[in-house]
Amino acid sequence: MRSCVHTKMWWSRAFLTGWLLLLVQLLCLEAVPISIDKTKVQEPEKKTEEPPASVDTGLHYDRYLREVIDFLEKDQHFREKLHNTDMEDIKQGKLAKELDFVSHHVRTKLDELKRQEVNRLRTLIKAKQDLEGGNDIAVDHQALLKQFEYLNHMNPHTFEVEDLDRLIRSATKDLENYDKERHEEFKRYEMMKEHDRREHLKTLDDEQRRKEEEHYEEMKKKHADHPKVNHPGSQNQLKEVWEEADGLDPEDFDPKTFFNLHDTNGDGFFDEQELEALFTKELEKIYDPTNEEDDMVEMEEERLRMREHVMNEVDSNKDRLVSLDEFLVATKKKEFLEPDSWETLEQNQAYTDEEMREFEEHLAQQEQDLNQKAFDLQKQRDELERQQEQLNAQKMELQQAVEHMERLKSQKGDTPPEVLVEGNAVLEMPAADNQLHEAQPQEHDPAPQAPQNTPQDTHQEHHGQQNQDQAQHGLPQTHDNIPPGHQEVQNNLP
């Protein structure tokens, strides 16, 4: 039985596990009437199984991919063509040509989606340039957009046949490489863990280092001491699930019944998530989250290895799905009935000694680069602090100069200070002002009086008149009766 409800759930699960190729099952299955009672019972379960909107394929263009497919799904013509198109034709781009026949509304929406995606990529490019210090450098968006193979960068405005073809090809290739990238991430995780352990040992003395090494070896032995792990996908492994998880007699094991029991969404296929669920019992033999020696990251890597192995052995058409026919064929092979032993991760180190050496050299270079950047930043900070101190000093000097000028300005507007002379308060003035003051009458005199000549003054006046007469006749002038303190001044006069 196939229904659109089942197919929509299929597509959601595909995005959860990263399968672009499930689009075929999503659209090519026709709805079949079902009973009212069954609908009432199953509908809530289907809603709970749908992944949240935030779950995606892991591709950086996941949202764009999903939105394009959602709108293509709404076009009846495209759905019908997809129903009659096999997997190989989809990969070769034959389906993309049907884009010319979809409705105008869908094409308009696809154009809008593409413009939004191009703008998103341009924003990312600009942000990357800014982080790398290229704020003032002109960005050639057309050249940089070439790296994004899933859309036609030469036409950023409309969604064409080439865009759909690029999207299908890129997503197929990227999803096929997704597991490989996960393996590489795990390898880096393992090497970093070993690197941190070695660096920790360097900080210990000889006795502490010896104890730490003994503890490490003890944990390795403890982790390796576990029950035998069955070969994934073998008869023994599936019978163990049949007995312990399903509660059935292993003597009554039936492959077809087993398949139907564990095809949890009832679509006639084992997807990657359903396959991985079959290995839980085997993984529990090796890993316990409460044990110090068991690493849950390693457990997920072991689960991935098991699922990949079964897919390689059973998925004959390489569509990342195991159909009932493929499963039944595999149960008749020798590998299913008499499998080889399964080597777990502790028996297969994720990296080589050469890879570890290169990894540590890379870390050392990164640390050196970071230290150099830190040193340069510290120099810049010291220089900025020095410049700040200079600016503060200049600011202080300027402030003091302004205050000094303000004081001078205020002093000019103030009354000169008084001094006491013979018990009387008089104003303190410069010498020239005193002479001018002496020449002026005192304010307390009732009226100015004519000066009276003393005999000495009469003699000086007579002598001055005599010198004037002598000067007129060319005779030398006399200096009699000149006060002693004024003779040098007088001699220096012309």
Protein backbone atom coordinates (compact mmCIF):
# COMPACT_ATOMS: atom_id res chain seq x y z
CA MET A 1 0.00 0.00 0.00
CA ARG A 2 1.33 3.40 -0.98
CA SER A 3 -0.05 6.84 -0.13
CA CYS A 4 0.95 10.45 -0.52
CA VAL A 5 1.12 10.71 3.24
CA HIS A 6 3.67 7.91 3.29
CA THR A 7 5.65 9.53 0.51
CA LYS A 8 5.77 12.92 2.20
CA MET A 9 7.10 11.28 5.34
CA TRP A 10 9.61 9.50 3.13
CA TRP A 11 10.88 12.78 1.74
CA SER A 12 11.21 14.27 5.22
CA ARG A 13 13.22 11.26 6.39
CA ALA A 14 15.36 11.57 3.31
CA PHE A 15 16.39 15.05 4.32
CA LEU A 16 17.02 13.82 7.82
CA THR A 17 19.54 11.22 6.63
CA GLY A 18 20.79 13.07 3.55
CA TRP A 19 19.22 11.25 0.63
CA LEU A 20 18.39 13.22 -2.45
CA LEU A 21 17.35 10.09 -4.35
CA LEU A 22 14.28 9.50 -2.18
CA LEU A 23 12.57 12.16 -4.27
CA VAL A 24 11.63 9.37 -6.68
CA GLN A 25 9.65 7.48 -4.05
CA LEU A 26 8.16 10.73 -2.83
CA LEU A 27 6.44 11.65 -6.08
CA CYS A 28 5.94 8.49 -8.09
CA LEU A 29 3.66 6.67 -5.65
CA GLU A 30 -0.10 7.04 -6.10
CA ALA A 31 -2.59 7.38 -3.28
CA VAL A 32 -4.72 4.37 -2.35
CA PRO A 33 -7.94 4.68 -0.31
CA ILE A 34 -7.60 3.49 3.25
CA SER A 35 -10.11 2.79 5.95
CA ILE A 36 -11.28 5.51 8.30
CA ASP A 37 -10.21 3.62 11.40
CA LYS A 38 -6.68 3.09 10.09
CA THR A 39 -6.39 6.74 9.20
CA LYS A 40 -7.39 7.78 12.68
CA VAL A 41 -4.84 5.47 14.22
CA GLN A 42 -1.88 6.20 11.96
CA GLU A 43 -2.17 9.93 11.30
CA PRO A 44 -0.87 11.09 14.73
CA GLU A 45 2.09 8.69 14.44
CA LYS A 46 3.05 10.11 11.06
CA LYS A 47 3.05 13.63 12.42
CA THR A 48 5.36 12.70 15.25
CA GLU A 49 7.79 10.93 12.90
CA GLU A 50 8.25 13.98 10.69
CA PRO A 51 11.58 15.68 11.44
CA PRO A 52 11.66 19.28 12.60
CA ALA A 53 12.10 22.01 10.01
CA SER A 54 15.64 22.68 11.20
CA VAL A 55 16.85 19.14 10.29
CA ASP A 56 18.58 19.15 6.93
CA THR A 57 20.92 17.20 4.70
CA GLY A 58 24.04 18.89 5.96
CA LEU A 59 24.56 20.57 2.58
CA HIS A 60 25.22 24.29 2.71
CA TYR A 61 22.49 24.79 0.09
CA ASP A 62 20.00 22.51 1.86
CA ARG A 63 17.26 25.13 2.21
CA TYR A 64 17.47 26.09 -1.44
CA LEU A 65 17.35 22.41 -2.45
CA ARG A 66 14.30 21.66 -0.33
CA GLU A 67 12.38 24.75 -1.46
CA VAL A 68 13.00 23.96 -5.14
CA ILE A 69 11.79 20.39 -4.70
CA ASP A 70 8.75 21.49 -2.70
CA PHE A 71 7.56 23.75 -5.51
CA LEU A 72 8.31 21.23 -8.25
CA GLU A 73 6.26 18.73 -6.29
CA LYS A 74 3.22 21.00 -6.61
CA ASP A 75 3.26 20.85 -10.42
CA GLN A 76 1.10 17.99 -11.75
CA HIS A 77 2.99 17.67 -15.05
CA PHE A 78 6.34 17.36 -13.31
CA ARG A 79 4.94 14.74 -10.92
CA GLU A 80 3.66 12.64 -13.81
CA LYS A 81 6.99 12.78 -15.66
CA LEU A 82 8.83 11.84 -12.53
CA HIS A 83 6.57 8.82 -12.16
CA ASN A 84 7.78 7.52 -15.54
CA THR A 85 11.46 8.42 -15.11
CA ASP A 86 13.98 5.92 -13.75
CA MET A 87 16.91 6.75 -11.51
CA GLU A 88 19.51 6.73 -14.23
CA ASP A 89 17.55 9.21 -16.34
CA ILE A 90 17.31 11.53 -13.35
CA LYS A 91 21.07 11.39 -12.84
CA GLN A 92 21.68 12.06 -16.53
CA GLY A 93 19.55 15.20 -16.48
CA LYS A 94 16.60 14.02 -18.58
CA LEU A 95 14.12 14.99 -15.89
CA ALA A 96 15.49 18.54 -15.76
CA LYS A 97 14.27 19.14 -19.32
CA GLU A 98 10.67 18.78 -18.13
CA LEU A 99 11.07 22.09 -16.32
CA ASP A 100 10.04 23.86 -19.52
CA PHE A 101 6.53 22.46 -19.14
CA VAL A 102 5.76 23.35 -15.53
CA SER A 103 3.23 26.06 -14.70
CA HIS A 104 4.05 29.75 -14.87
CA HIS A 105 3.39 30.15 -11.15
CA VAL A 106 5.97 27.49 -10.29
CA ARG A 107 8.55 28.95 -12.67
CA THR A 108 8.03 32.42 -11.19
CA LYS A 109 8.54 31.09 -7.69
CA LEU A 110 11.67 29.20 -8.76
CA ASP A 111 13.06 32.41 -10.26
CA GLU A 112 12.49 34.15 -6.94
CA LEU A 113 14.16 31.30 -5.03
CA LYS A 114 17.22 31.48 -7.25
CA ARG A 115 17.58 35.25 -6.85
CA GLN A 116 17.38 34.83 -3.08
CA GLU A 117 20.04 32.12 -3.18
CA VAL A 118 22.38 34.22 -5.32
CA ASN A 119 21.97 37.14 -2.92
CA ARG A 120 22.71 34.81 -0.01
CA LEU A 121 25.91 33.62 -1.66
CA ARG A 122 26.98 37.17 -2.42
CA THR A 123 26.44 38.09 1.22
CA LEU A 124 28.57 35.12 2.30
CA ILE A 125 31.31 36.09 -0.12
CA LYS A 126 31.33 39.67 1.15
CA ALA A 127 31.40 38.52 4.77
CA LYS A 128 34.34 36.23 4.03
CA GLN A 129 36.21 39.07 2.33
CA ASP A 130 35.61 41.30 5.36
CA LEU A 131 36.90 38.64 7.75
CA GLU A 132 40.03 38.22 5.67
CA GLY A 133 40.70 41.94 5.78
CA GLY A 134 39.67 42.76 2.24
CA ASN A 135 37.11 45.42 3.09
CA ASP A 136 38.55 47.90 0.60
CA ILE A 137 39.06 45.36 -2.19
CA ALA A 138 36.51 45.22 -4.99
CA VAL A 139 34.78 41.82 -5.03
CA ASP A 140 34.26 40.02 -8.35
CA HIS A 141 31.07 38.16 -7.45
CA GLN A 142 30.74 36.54 -10.86
CA ALA A 143 34.17 34.95 -10.55
CA LEU A 144 33.61 33.79 -6.99
CA LEU A 145 30.16 32.38 -7.75
CA LYS A 146 31.80 29.83 -10.04
CA GLN A 147 32.74 27.75 -7.00
CA PHE A 148 29.05 27.03 -6.35
CA GLU A 149 28.34 24.37 -8.93
CA TYR A 150 24.71 23.77 -8.00
CA LEU A 151 23.44 26.86 -9.84
CA ASN A 152 24.15 28.72 -13.06
CA HIS A 153 25.93 31.87 -11.90
CA MET A 154 25.90 33.41 -15.39
CA ASN A 155 22.15 33.90 -15.11
CA PRO A 156 21.38 35.05 -11.55
CA HIS A 157 17.78 36.07 -12.27
CA THR A 158 15.82 33.10 -13.66
CA PHE A 159 15.66 29.40 -12.83
CA GLU A 160 16.30 27.41 -16.01
CA VAL A 161 16.73 23.78 -17.04
CA GLU A 162 20.45 24.01 -16.41
CA ASP A 163 19.82 25.11 -12.83
CA LEU A 164 17.73 22.04 -12.07
CA ASP A 165 20.24 19.78 -13.79
CA ARG A 166 23.11 21.34 -11.79
CA LEU A 167 21.15 21.03 -8.56
CA ILE A 168 20.42 17.33 -9.07
CA ARG A 169 23.99 16.49 -10.09
CA SER A 170 25.60 18.49 -7.28
CA ALA A 171 23.30 17.16 -4.57
CA THR A 172 23.79 13.57 -5.74
CA LYS A 173 27.57 13.94 -5.74
CA ASP A 174 27.70 15.81 -2.44
CA LEU A 175 25.45 13.35 -0.65
CA GLU A 176 27.51 10.44 -1.95
CA ASN A 177 30.58 12.10 -0.40
CA TYR A 178 28.80 12.90 2.85
CA ASP A 179 29.85 9.68 4.59
CA LYS A 180 33.42 10.18 3.44
CA GLU A 181 33.50 13.61 5.02
CA ARG A 182 32.11 12.17 8.24
CA HIS A 183 34.93 9.62 8.30
CA GLU A 184 37.48 12.39 7.84
CA GLU A 185 35.95 14.35 10.69
CA PHE A 186 36.15 11.28 12.92
CA LYS A 187 39.78 10.74 11.97
CA ARG A 188 40.62 14.30 12.97
CA TYR A 189 38.72 13.77 16.22
CA GLU A 190 40.76 10.67 17.04
CA MET A 191 44.08 12.32 16.19
CA MET A 192 43.21 15.37 18.28
CA LYS A 193 42.33 13.14 21.21
CA GLU A 194 45.69 11.38 20.94
CA HIS A 195 47.50 14.69 20.53
CA ASP A 196 45.88 16.07 23.69
CA ARG A 197 46.87 12.92 25.58
CA ARG A 198 50.50 13.27 24.52
CA GLU A 199 50.57 16.95 25.40
CA HIS A 200 49.15 16.14 28.84
CA LEU A 201 51.89 13.56 29.43
CA LYS A 202 54.52 16.25 28.78
CA THR A 203 53.27 18.23 31.77
CA LEU A 204 53.76 15.29 34.20
CA ASP A 205 56.85 14.07 36.01
CA ASP A 206 58.20 10.55 35.45
CA GLU A 207 56.12 8.89 38.17
CA GLN A 208 52.88 10.61 37.15
CA ARG A 209 53.56 9.81 33.50
CA ARG A 210 54.06 6.13 34.30
CA LYS A 211 50.76 5.96 36.20
CA GLU A 212 48.94 7.77 33.43
CA GLU A 213 50.27 5.36 30.80
CA GLU A 214 49.27 2.37 32.91
CA HIS A 215 45.76 3.76 33.32
CA TYR A 216 45.49 4.37 29.57
CA GLU A 217 46.47 0.79 28.72
CA GLU A 218 44.07 -0.54 31.35
CA MET A 219 41.16 1.40 29.81
CA LYS A 220 42.02 0.09 26.33
CA LYS A 221 41.98 -3.50 27.53
CA LYS A 222 38.74 -2.97 29.41
CA HIS A 223 37.05 -1.52 26.33
CA ALA A 224 38.22 -4.40 24.14
CA ASP A 225 36.85 -6.95 26.62
CA HIS A 226 33.32 -7.34 25.28
CA PRO A 227 31.13 -10.11 23.81
CA LYS A 228 31.59 -11.19 20.22
CA VAL A 229 30.15 -8.78 17.69
CA ASN A 230 28.18 -10.36 14.88
CA HIS A 231 28.88 -9.44 11.29
CA PRO A 232 26.40 -6.61 10.39
CA GLY A 233 23.60 -7.82 8.13
CA SER A 234 24.43 -11.49 8.64
CA GLN A 235 21.93 -14.19 9.62
CA ASN A 236 23.35 -14.40 13.13
CA GLN A 237 23.07 -10.66 13.63
CA LEU A 238 19.50 -10.47 12.34
CA LYS A 239 18.43 -13.54 14.33
CA GLU A 240 19.72 -11.86 17.48
CA VAL A 241 17.50 -8.84 16.75
CA TRP A 242 14.61 -11.20 15.95
CA GLU A 243 15.00 -12.90 19.32
CA GLU A 244 15.95 -10.05 21.69
CA ALA A 245 14.19 -7.04 20.14
CA ASP A 246 11.20 -8.74 18.54
CA GLY A 247 10.77 -11.48 21.14
CA LEU A 248 10.45 -14.24 18.57
CA ASP A 249 11.90 -17.73 18.43
CA PRO A 250 15.19 -17.72 16.46
CA GLU A 251 14.20 -21.10 14.97
CA ASP A 252 11.23 -19.39 13.31
CA PHE A 253 13.35 -16.68 11.66
CA ASP A 254 11.86 -15.57 8.34
CA PRO A 255 13.64 -12.89 6.25
CA LYS A 256 10.45 -11.50 4.71
CA THR A 257 8.69 -11.23 8.04
CA PHE A 258 11.79 -9.65 9.53
CA PHE A 259 11.86 -7.07 6.73
CA ASN A 260 8.22 -6.12 7.24
CA LEU A 261 8.71 -5.84 11.00
CA HIS A 262 11.58 -3.37 10.68
CA ASP A 263 10.33 -1.41 7.68
CA THR A 264 8.99 1.06 10.22
CA ASN A 265 7.38 3.44 7.73
CA GLY A 266 5.92 0.63 5.61
CA ASP A 267 7.23 1.90 2.29
CA GLY A 268 8.85 -1.33 1.15
CA PHE A 269 12.44 -0.16 1.65
CA PHE A 270 15.10 -0.14 4.32
CA ASP A 271 16.51 3.35 4.43
CA GLU A 272 19.77 4.23 6.16
CA GLN A 273 18.07 5.15 9.41
CA GLU A 274 16.14 1.91 9.56
CA LEU A 275 19.29 -0.07 8.84
CA GLU A 276 21.26 1.68 11.56
CA ALA A 277 18.52 0.85 14.06
CA LEU A 278 19.23 -2.86 13.44
CA PHE A 279 22.76 -2.50 14.83
CA THR A 280 21.81 -1.10 18.23
CA LYS A 281 22.06 -4.49 19.96
CA GLU A 282 25.54 -5.06 18.56
CA LEU A 283 26.73 -1.61 19.59
CA GLU A 284 25.45 -2.12 23.13
CA LYS A 285 27.92 -5.01 23.45
CA ILE A 286 30.82 -2.59 22.91
CA TYR A 287 29.72 0.77 24.26
CA ASP A 288 28.19 1.89 27.53
CA PRO A 289 27.77 5.64 28.15
CA THR A 290 28.44 5.10 31.87
CA ASN A 291 31.89 3.57 31.27
CA GLU A 292 34.97 5.78 31.25
CA GLU A 293 36.65 3.67 28.59
CA ASP A 294 33.76 3.92 26.07
CA ASP A 295 33.59 6.90 23.72
CA MET A 296 30.12 7.63 22.30
CA VAL A 297 31.62 9.43 19.31
CA GLU A 298 33.37 6.19 18.43
CA MET A 299 30.08 4.34 18.82
CA GLU A 300 28.43 6.49 16.15
CA GLU A 301 31.39 5.93 13.85
CA GLU A 302 31.00 2.17 14.39
CA ARG A 303 27.30 2.45 13.53
CA LEU A 304 28.17 4.30 10.32
CA ARG A 305 30.73 1.62 9.37
CA MET A 306 28.14 -1.12 9.86
CA ARG A 307 25.50 0.63 7.80
CA GLU A 308 27.94 1.35 4.97
CA HIS A 309 29.02 -2.27 4.90
CA VAL A 310 25.46 -3.55 4.57
CA MET A 311 24.64 -0.98 1.89
CA ASN A 312 27.68 -2.01 -0.14
CA GLU A 313 26.74 -5.68 0.15
CA VAL A 314 22.97 -5.45 -0.38
CA ASP A 315 22.12 -2.23 -2.28
CA SER A 316 22.65 -3.56 -5.79
CA ASN A 317 21.33 -0.52 -7.70
CA LYS A 318 23.20 1.95 -5.44
CA ASP A 319 20.17 4.13 -4.76
CA ARG A 320 21.01 4.20 -1.02
CA LEU A 321 17.90 2.10 -0.31
CA VAL A 322 17.43 -1.61 0.31
CA SER A 323 14.30 -2.98 -1.29
CA LEU A 324 12.60 -6.18 -0.20
CA ASP A 325 13.86 -7.96 -3.31
CA GLU A 326 17.44 -6.84 -2.67
CA PHE A 327 17.16 -7.98 0.93
CA LEU A 328 15.81 -11.42 0.05
CA VAL A 329 18.53 -11.93 -2.55
CA ALA A 330 21.19 -11.05 0.04
CA THR A 331 19.84 -13.61 2.54
CA LYS A 332 20.68 -16.39 0.11
CA LYS A 333 24.35 -15.45 -0.28
CA LYS A 334 27.20 -17.17 1.48
CA GLU A 335 28.22 -13.90 3.17
CA PHE A 336 24.83 -13.90 4.92
CA LEU A 337 24.93 -17.53 6.03
CA GLU A 338 28.66 -17.87 6.80
CA PRO A 339 30.07 -14.38 7.34
CA ASP A 340 33.58 -13.41 8.25
CA SER A 341 34.32 -12.00 11.68
CA TRP A 342 33.70 -8.29 12.15
CA GLU A 343 36.63 -6.11 13.17
CA THR A 344 35.62 -3.25 15.44
CA LEU A 345 37.24 0.18 15.68
CA GLU A 346 39.73 -0.80 18.38
CA GLN A 347 41.08 -3.34 15.88
CA ASN A 348 41.23 -0.76 13.09
CA GLN A 349 42.96 2.47 14.04
CA ALA A 350 41.38 5.38 12.23
CA TYR A 351 44.71 6.95 11.22
CA THR A 352 48.24 5.93 10.31
CA ASP A 353 51.44 7.01 12.04
CA GLU A 354 52.29 9.18 9.05
CA GLU A 355 48.90 10.91 9.21
CA MET A 356 49.41 11.53 12.91
CA ARG A 357 52.83 13.05 12.29
CA GLU A 358 51.46 15.35 9.58
CA PHE A 359 48.54 16.28 11.82
CA GLU A 360 50.82 17.31 14.69
CA GLU A 361 53.05 19.27 12.32
CA HIS A 362 49.97 21.08 11.07
CA LEU A 363 48.90 21.84 14.63
CA ALA A 364 52.38 23.11 15.46
CA GLN A 365 52.31 25.40 12.44
CA GLN A 366 48.87 26.66 13.41
CA GLU A 367 50.09 27.35 16.94
CA GLN A 368 53.11 29.20 15.58
CA ASP A 369 50.90 31.30 13.32
CA LEU A 370 48.56 32.08 16.20
CA ASN A 371 51.46 33.05 18.44
CA GLN A 372 52.81 35.36 15.73
CA LYS A 373 49.39 36.95 15.32
CA ALA A 374 49.14 37.35 19.08
CA PHE A 375 52.58 38.98 19.17
CA ASP A 376 51.65 41.35 16.35
CA LEU A 377 48.40 42.22 18.06
CA GLN A 378 50.23 42.89 21.33
CA LYS A 379 52.64 45.21 19.51
CA GLN A 380 49.73 47.04 17.98
CA ARG A 381 48.12 47.30 21.38
CA ASP A 382 51.31 48.67 22.95
CA GLU A 383 51.66 51.21 20.15
CA LEU A 384 48.05 52.28 20.54
CA GLU A 385 48.54 52.66 24.30
CA ARG A 386 51.68 54.75 23.69
CA GLN A 387 49.81 56.98 21.26
CA GLN A 388 46.97 57.26 23.74
CA GLU A 389 49.38 58.38 26.45
CA GLN A 390 50.80 61.03 24.10
CA LEU A 391 47.33 62.24 23.29
CA ASN A 392 46.47 62.40 26.98
CA ALA A 393 49.66 64.40 27.69
CA GLN A 394 48.89 66.80 24.86
CA LYS A 395 45.37 67.12 26.11
CA MET A 396 46.66 67.94 29.61
CA GLU A 397 49.08 70.55 28.27
CA LEU A 398 46.34 72.15 26.22
CA GLN A 399 44.04 72.19 29.20
CA GLN A 400 46.74 73.81 31.37
CA ALA A 401 47.41 76.44 28.70
CA VAL A 402 43.71 77.24 28.50
CA GLU A 403 43.51 77.55 32.28
CA HIS A 404 46.58 79.83 32.33
CA MET A 405 45.07 82.12 29.70
CA GLU A 406 41.83 82.22 31.66
CA ARG A 407 43.72 83.29 34.77
CA LEU A 408 45.55 86.03 32.88
CA LYS A 409 42.28 87.23 31.43
CA SER A 410 40.67 87.35 34.86
CA GLN A 411 43.67 89.18 36.36
CA LYS A 412 43.40 91.94 33.76
CA GLY A 413 39.84 92.60 34.82
CA ASP A 414 40.66 92.65 38.61
CA THR A 415 41.59 95.77 40.79
CA PRO A 416 45.36 95.89 41.50
CA PRO A 417 46.18 94.63 44.98
CA GLU A 418 46.77 97.21 47.87
CA VAL A 419 49.96 97.55 49.92
CA LEU A 420 50.53 99.29 53.23
CA VAL A 421 52.88 102.29 53.22
CA GLU A 422 53.46 104.06 56.57
CA GLY A 423 50.12 102.77 57.84
CA ASN A 424 48.15 103.97 54.82
CA ALA A 425 46.67 101.69 52.17
CA VAL A 426 47.82 102.68 48.70
CA LEU A 427 47.56 100.95 45.33
CA GLU A 428 50.57 99.06 44.10
CA MET A 429 51.51 100.37 40.64
CA PRO A 430 54.37 100.01 38.24
CA ALA A 431 57.08 102.70 38.37
CA ALA A 432 55.78 104.60 35.37
CA ASP A 433 52.32 104.64 36.84
CA ASN A 434 53.71 105.95 40.14
CA GLN A 435 55.45 108.80 38.36
CA LEU A 436 52.20 109.58 36.58
CA HIS A 437 50.38 109.39 39.87
CA GLU A 438 52.88 111.75 41.50
CA ALA A 439 52.35 114.26 38.73
CA GLN A 440 48.60 114.24 39.31
CA PRO A 441 46.93 115.93 42.27
CA GLN A 442 45.77 113.77 45.13
CA GLU A 443 42.06 113.13 45.29
CA HIS A 444 41.85 114.38 48.91
CA ASP A 445 43.35 117.80 48.09
CA PRO A 446 40.59 120.38 47.97
CA ALA A 447 42.15 122.08 44.96
CA PRO A 448 45.39 121.93 43.01
CA GLN A 449 48.04 124.39 44.27
CA ALA A 450 50.81 125.95 42.24
CA PRO A 451 54.24 124.55 43.13
CA GLN A 452 56.52 126.81 45.14
CA ASN A 453 60.19 127.05 44.13
CA THR A 454 62.78 126.41 46.76
CA PRO A 455 66.22 128.14 46.63
CA GLN A 456 67.65 124.89 45.29
CA ASP A 457 65.06 124.76 42.58
CA THR A 458 65.77 128.39 41.69
CA HIS A 459 69.47 127.65 41.42
CA GLN A 460 68.86 124.56 39.20
CA GLU A 461 66.56 126.58 36.98
CA HIS A 462 69.18 129.33 36.70
CA HIS A 463 71.88 126.78 35.93
CA GLY A 464 69.73 125.12 33.28
CA GLN A 465 69.13 128.49 31.64
CA GLN A 466 72.87 129.16 31.69
CA ASN A 467 73.64 125.83 29.97
CA GLN A 468 71.06 126.63 27.39
CA ASP A 469 72.65 129.99 26.66
CA GLN A 470 76.08 128.38 26.44
CA ALA A 471 74.79 125.77 24.06
CA GLN A 472 73.40 128.45 21.82
CA HIS A 473 76.85 130.13 21.69
CA GLY A 474 78.69 126.81 21.12
CA LEU A 475 80.25 126.80 24.61
CA PRO A 476 80.62 123.64 26.74
CA GLN A 477 77.94 123.03 29.33
CA THR A 478 78.70 122.73 33.02
CA HIS A 479 77.53 120.01 35.32
CA ASP A 480 77.55 121.79 38.60
CA ASN A 481 74.92 120.95 41.18
CA ILE A 482 73.84 117.73 39.27
CA PRO A 483 72.91 115.09 41.77
CA PRO A 484 75.54 112.41 41.98
CA GLY A 485 73.20 109.68 40.77
CA HIS A 486 72.42 111.57 37.56
CA GLN A 487 75.93 112.47 36.39
CA GLU A 488 76.52 109.30 34.38
CA VAL A 489 73.21 109.72 32.69
CA GLN A 490 74.02 113.30 31.94
CA ASN A 491 77.45 112.37 30.54
CA ASN A 492 75.92 109.86 28.23
CA LEU A 493 73.53 112.32 26.73
CA PRO A 494 74.60 113.75 23.34
